[in-house]
């Protein structure tokens, strides 16, 4: 039986290696860097929103509050909560699009995310 390195090429014409086929739980450094860059971008864009818009997004996504809970906290009706969240998300998407043209009108927000990012951000930006 012959042992092969995980860095051994899969073929003469391909630059892929055996290690490319091995699933790993830990993200690679490039994914970590992309995630950090994207997280910073979202934070910068969130900071540009008006405080009420930041607040309502924070109540909905990171805190995972229901529309009813948000309505009670803010003293407004559920319909108003939904419209304010929609407006805040639209403004956040606009700011992201201005900061990065690849997030523009032609791109679907779900295309911006790797599966790891989607867990944390799609709900905030797209849902």
C-alpha atoms as a PDB file:
ATOM      1  CA  UNK A   1       0.000   0.000   0.000  1.00  0.00           C
ATOM      2  CA  UNK A   2       1.348   3.411  -0.994  1.00  0.00           C
ATOM      3  CA  UNK A   3       0.890   6.502   1.146  1.00  0.00           C
ATOM      4  CA  UNK A   4       0.200   9.775  -0.606  1.00  0.00           C
ATOM      5  CA  UNK A   5       0.448  13.273   0.729  1.00  0.00           C
ATOM      6  CA  UNK A   6      -2.749  15.282   1.004  1.00  0.00           C
ATOM      7  CA  UNK A   7      -0.914  17.920  -1.025  1.00  0.00           C
ATOM      8  CA  UNK A   8      -0.433  15.470  -3.892  1.00  0.00           C
ATOM      9  CA  UNK A   9      -2.043  16.608  -7.140  1.00  0.00           C
ATOM     10  CA  UNK A  10      -5.175  14.772  -8.288  1.00  0.00           C
ATOM     11  CA  UNK A  11      -3.951  14.799 -11.861  1.00  0.00           C
ATOM     12  CA  UNK A  12      -1.412  16.244 -14.207  1.00  0.00           C
ATOM     13  CA  UNK A  13      -3.820  18.784 -15.683  1.00  0.00           C
ATOM     14  CA  UNK A  14      -5.427  19.856 -12.427  1.00  0.00           C
ATOM     15  CA  UNK A  15      -4.071  21.987  -9.637  1.00  0.00           C
ATOM     16  CA  UNK A  16      -6.488  20.343  -7.199  1.00  0.00           C
ATOM     17  CA  UNK A  17      -5.073  18.235  -4.384  1.00  0.00           C
ATOM     18  CA  UNK A  18      -6.408  15.474  -2.177  1.00  0.00           C
ATOM     19  CA  UNK A  19      -6.718  17.969   0.656  1.00  0.00           C
ATOM     20  CA  UNK A  20      -9.226  19.885  -1.491  1.00  0.00           C
ATOM     21  CA  UNK A  21     -11.522  16.855  -1.225  1.00  0.00           C
ATOM     22  CA  UNK A  22     -11.294  16.496   2.547  1.00  0.00           C
ATOM     23  CA  UNK A  23     -14.074  18.241   4.423  1.00  0.00           C
ATOM     24  CA  UNK A  24     -12.967  20.353   7.338  1.00  0.00           C
ATOM     25  CA  UNK A  25     -15.053  21.980  10.029  1.00  0.00           C
ATOM     26  CA  UNK A  26     -12.695  24.904  10.406  1.00  0.00           C
ATOM     27  CA  UNK A  27     -12.916  27.524   7.675  1.00  0.00           C
ATOM     28  CA  UNK A  28      -9.813  28.320   5.726  1.00  0.00           C
ATOM     29  CA  UNK A  29      -7.964  31.607   6.306  1.00  0.00           C
ATOM     30  CA  UNK A  30      -9.387  33.126   3.121  1.00  0.00           C
ATOM     31  CA  UNK A  31     -12.936  32.433   4.327  1.00  0.00           C
ATOM     32  CA  UNK A  32     -12.116  33.886   7.722  1.00  0.00           C
ATOM     33  CA  UNK A  33     -10.692  37.024   6.104  1.00  0.00           C
ATOM     34  CA  UNK A  34     -13.730  37.391   3.823  1.00  0.00           C
ATOM     35  CA  UNK A  35     -16.068  36.939   6.779  1.00  0.00           C
ATOM     36  CA  UNK A  36     -14.205  39.548   8.831  1.00  0.00           C
ATOM     37  CA  UNK A  37     -14.226  42.003   5.929  1.00  0.00           C
ATOM     38  CA  UNK A  38     -17.931  41.464   5.313  1.00  0.00           C
ATOM     39  CA  UNK A  39     -18.755  41.754   9.026  1.00  0.00           C
ATOM     40  CA  UNK A  40     -16.879  45.063   9.177  1.00  0.00           C
ATOM     41  CA  UNK A  41     -18.698  46.313   6.085  1.00  0.00           C
ATOM     42  CA  UNK A  42     -22.102  45.445   7.547  1.00  0.00           C
ATOM     43  CA  UNK A  43     -21.159  47.112  10.845  1.00  0.00           C
ATOM     44  CA  UNK A  44     -20.050  50.270   9.002  1.00  0.00           C
ATOM     45  CA  UNK A  45     -23.282  50.369   7.015  1.00  0.00           C
ATOM     46  CA  UNK A  46     -25.396  49.719  10.091  1.00  0.00           C
ATOM     47  CA  UNK A  47     -23.648  52.631  11.809  1.00  0.00           C
ATOM     48  CA  UNK A  48     -24.791  54.906   8.970  1.00  0.00           C
ATOM     49  CA  UNK A  49     -28.454  54.081   9.535  1.00  0.00           C
ATOM     50  CA  UNK A  50     -30.592  56.369  11.654  1.00  0.00           C
ATOM     51  CA  UNK A  51     -30.707  55.175  15.293  1.00  0.00           C
ATOM     52  CA  UNK A  52     -34.360  54.015  15.117  1.00  0.00           C
ATOM     53  CA  UNK A  53     -33.547  51.850  12.105  1.00  0.00           C
ATOM     54  CA  UNK A  54     -30.506  50.320  13.833  1.00  0.00           C
ATOM     55  CA  UNK A  55     -32.606  49.677  16.915  1.00  0.00           C
ATOM     56  CA  UNK A  56     -35.412  47.903  15.099  1.00  0.00           C
ATOM     57  CA  UNK A  57     -32.974  45.703  13.156  1.00  0.00           C
ATOM     58  CA  UNK A  58     -31.151  44.861  16.382  1.00  0.00           C
ATOM     59  CA  UNK A  59     -34.393  43.874  18.062  1.00  0.00           C
ATOM     60  CA  UNK A  60     -35.452  41.682  15.144  1.00  0.00           C
ATOM     61  CA  UNK A  61     -32.326  39.852  14.028  1.00  0.00           C
ATOM     62  CA  UNK A  62     -29.587  39.579  16.643  1.00  0.00           C
ATOM     63  CA  UNK A  63     -32.070  39.462  19.520  1.00  0.00           C
ATOM     64  CA  UNK A  64     -34.525  37.311  17.524  1.00  0.00           C
ATOM     65  CA  UNK A  65     -37.558  39.129  18.910  1.00  0.00           C
ATOM     66  CA  UNK A  66     -40.986  38.529  17.424  1.00  0.00           C
ATOM     67  CA  UNK A  67     -42.908  41.315  15.713  1.00  0.00           C
ATOM     68  CA  UNK A  68     -45.291  41.330  18.674  1.00  0.00           C
ATOM     69  CA  UNK A  69     -42.446  41.721  21.176  1.00  0.00           C
ATOM     70  CA  UNK A  70     -40.924  44.552  19.159  1.00  0.00           C
ATOM     71  CA  UNK A  71     -44.308  46.270  18.925  1.00  0.00           C
ATOM     72  CA  UNK A  72     -44.681  46.110  22.713  1.00  0.00           C
ATOM     73  CA  UNK A  73     -41.128  47.355  23.351  1.00  0.00           C
ATOM     74  CA  UNK A  74     -41.512  50.296  20.973  1.00  0.00           C
ATOM     75  CA  UNK A  75     -45.166  51.002  21.741  1.00  0.00           C
ATOM     76  CA  UNK A  76     -46.275  50.704  18.102  1.00  0.00           C
ATOM     77  CA  UNK A  77     -48.491  48.282  16.198  1.00  0.00           C
ATOM     78  CA  UNK A  78     -47.209  45.152  14.434  1.00  0.00           C
ATOM     79  CA  UNK A  79     -47.867  46.559  10.956  1.00  0.00           C
ATOM     80  CA  UNK A  80     -45.671  49.545  11.757  1.00  0.00           C
ATOM     81  CA  UNK A  81     -42.938  47.206  13.032  1.00  0.00           C
ATOM     82  CA  UNK A  82     -42.992  45.254   9.765  1.00  0.00           C
ATOM     83  CA  UNK A  83     -42.868  48.375   7.597  1.00  0.00           C
ATOM     84  CA  UNK A  84     -40.043  49.915   9.642  1.00  0.00           C
ATOM     85  CA  UNK A  85     -38.006  46.704   9.448  1.00  0.00           C
ATOM     86  CA  UNK A  86     -38.571  46.549   5.684  1.00  0.00           C
ATOM     87  CA  UNK A  87     -37.475  50.176   5.315  1.00  0.00           C
ATOM     88  CA  UNK A  88     -34.402  49.665   7.511  1.00  0.00           C
ATOM     89  CA  UNK A  89     -33.380  46.557   5.537  1.00  0.00           C
ATOM     90  CA  UNK A  90     -33.850  48.397   2.248  1.00  0.00           C
ATOM     91  CA  UNK A  91     -31.645  51.243   3.504  1.00  0.00           C
ATOM     92  CA  UNK A  92     -29.017  48.773   4.705  1.00  0.00           C
ATOM     93  CA  UNK A  93     -29.020  47.059   1.302  1.00  0.00           C
ATOM     94  CA  UNK A  94     -28.651  50.457  -0.389  1.00  0.00           C
ATOM     95  CA  UNK A  95     -25.669  51.309   1.810  1.00  0.00           C
ATOM     96  CA  UNK A  96     -24.076  47.916   1.131  1.00  0.00           C
ATOM     97  CA  UNK A  97     -24.621  48.426  -2.609  1.00  0.00           C
ATOM     98  CA  UNK A  98     -22.982  51.841  -2.471  1.00  0.00           C
ATOM     99  CA  UNK A  99     -20.011  50.461  -0.541  1.00  0.00           C
ATOM    100  CA  UNK A 100     -19.587  47.431  -2.805  1.00  0.00           C
ATOM    101  CA  UNK A 101     -20.965  47.621  -6.348  1.00  0.00           C
ATOM    102  CA  UNK A 102     -21.097  43.804  -6.505  1.00  0.00           C
ATOM    103  CA  UNK A 103     -24.015  44.099  -4.066  1.00  0.00           C
ATOM    104  CA  UNK A 104     -25.934  46.215  -6.565  1.00  0.00           C
ATOM    105  CA  UNK A 105     -29.403  45.879  -8.043  1.00  0.00           C
ATOM    106  CA  UNK A 106     -28.522  42.962 -10.308  1.00  0.00           C
ATOM    107  CA  UNK A 107     -27.240  40.765  -7.469  1.00  0.00           C
ATOM    108  CA  UNK A 108     -29.546  38.768  -5.259  1.00  0.00           C
ATOM    109  CA  UNK A 109     -28.600  39.321  -1.602  1.00  0.00           C
ATOM    110  CA  UNK A 110     -28.478  35.555  -1.059  1.00  0.00           C
ATOM    111  CA  UNK A 111     -25.654  35.395  -3.645  1.00  0.00           C
ATOM    112  CA  UNK A 112     -23.475  37.576  -1.412  1.00  0.00           C
ATOM    113  CA  UNK A 113     -23.181  34.977   1.273  1.00  0.00           C
ATOM    114  CA  UNK A 114     -21.250  31.804   1.793  1.00  0.00           C
ATOM    115  CA  UNK A 115     -23.242  29.311   3.837  1.00  0.00           C
ATOM    116  CA  UNK A 116     -21.396  30.374   7.003  1.00  0.00           C
ATOM    117  CA  UNK A 117     -22.220  34.022   6.443  1.00  0.00           C
ATOM    118  CA  UNK A 118     -25.808  33.233   5.575  1.00  0.00           C
ATOM    119  CA  UNK A 119     -26.478  31.919   9.042  1.00  0.00           C
ATOM    120  CA  UNK A 120     -25.631  35.254  10.620  1.00  0.00           C
ATOM    121  CA  UNK A 121     -26.490  37.864   8.025  1.00  0.00           C
ATOM    122  CA  UNK A 122     -29.125  36.787   5.521  1.00  0.00           C
ATOM    123  CA  UNK A 123     -31.791  37.074   8.176  1.00  0.00           C
ATOM    124  CA  UNK A 124     -30.652  40.597   9.025  1.00  0.00           C
ATOM    125  CA  UNK A 125     -30.358  41.871   5.475  1.00  0.00           C
ATOM    126  CA  UNK A 126     -32.789  39.795   3.441  1.00  0.00           C
ATOM    127  CA  UNK A 127     -35.467  38.245   5.620  1.00  0.00           C
END
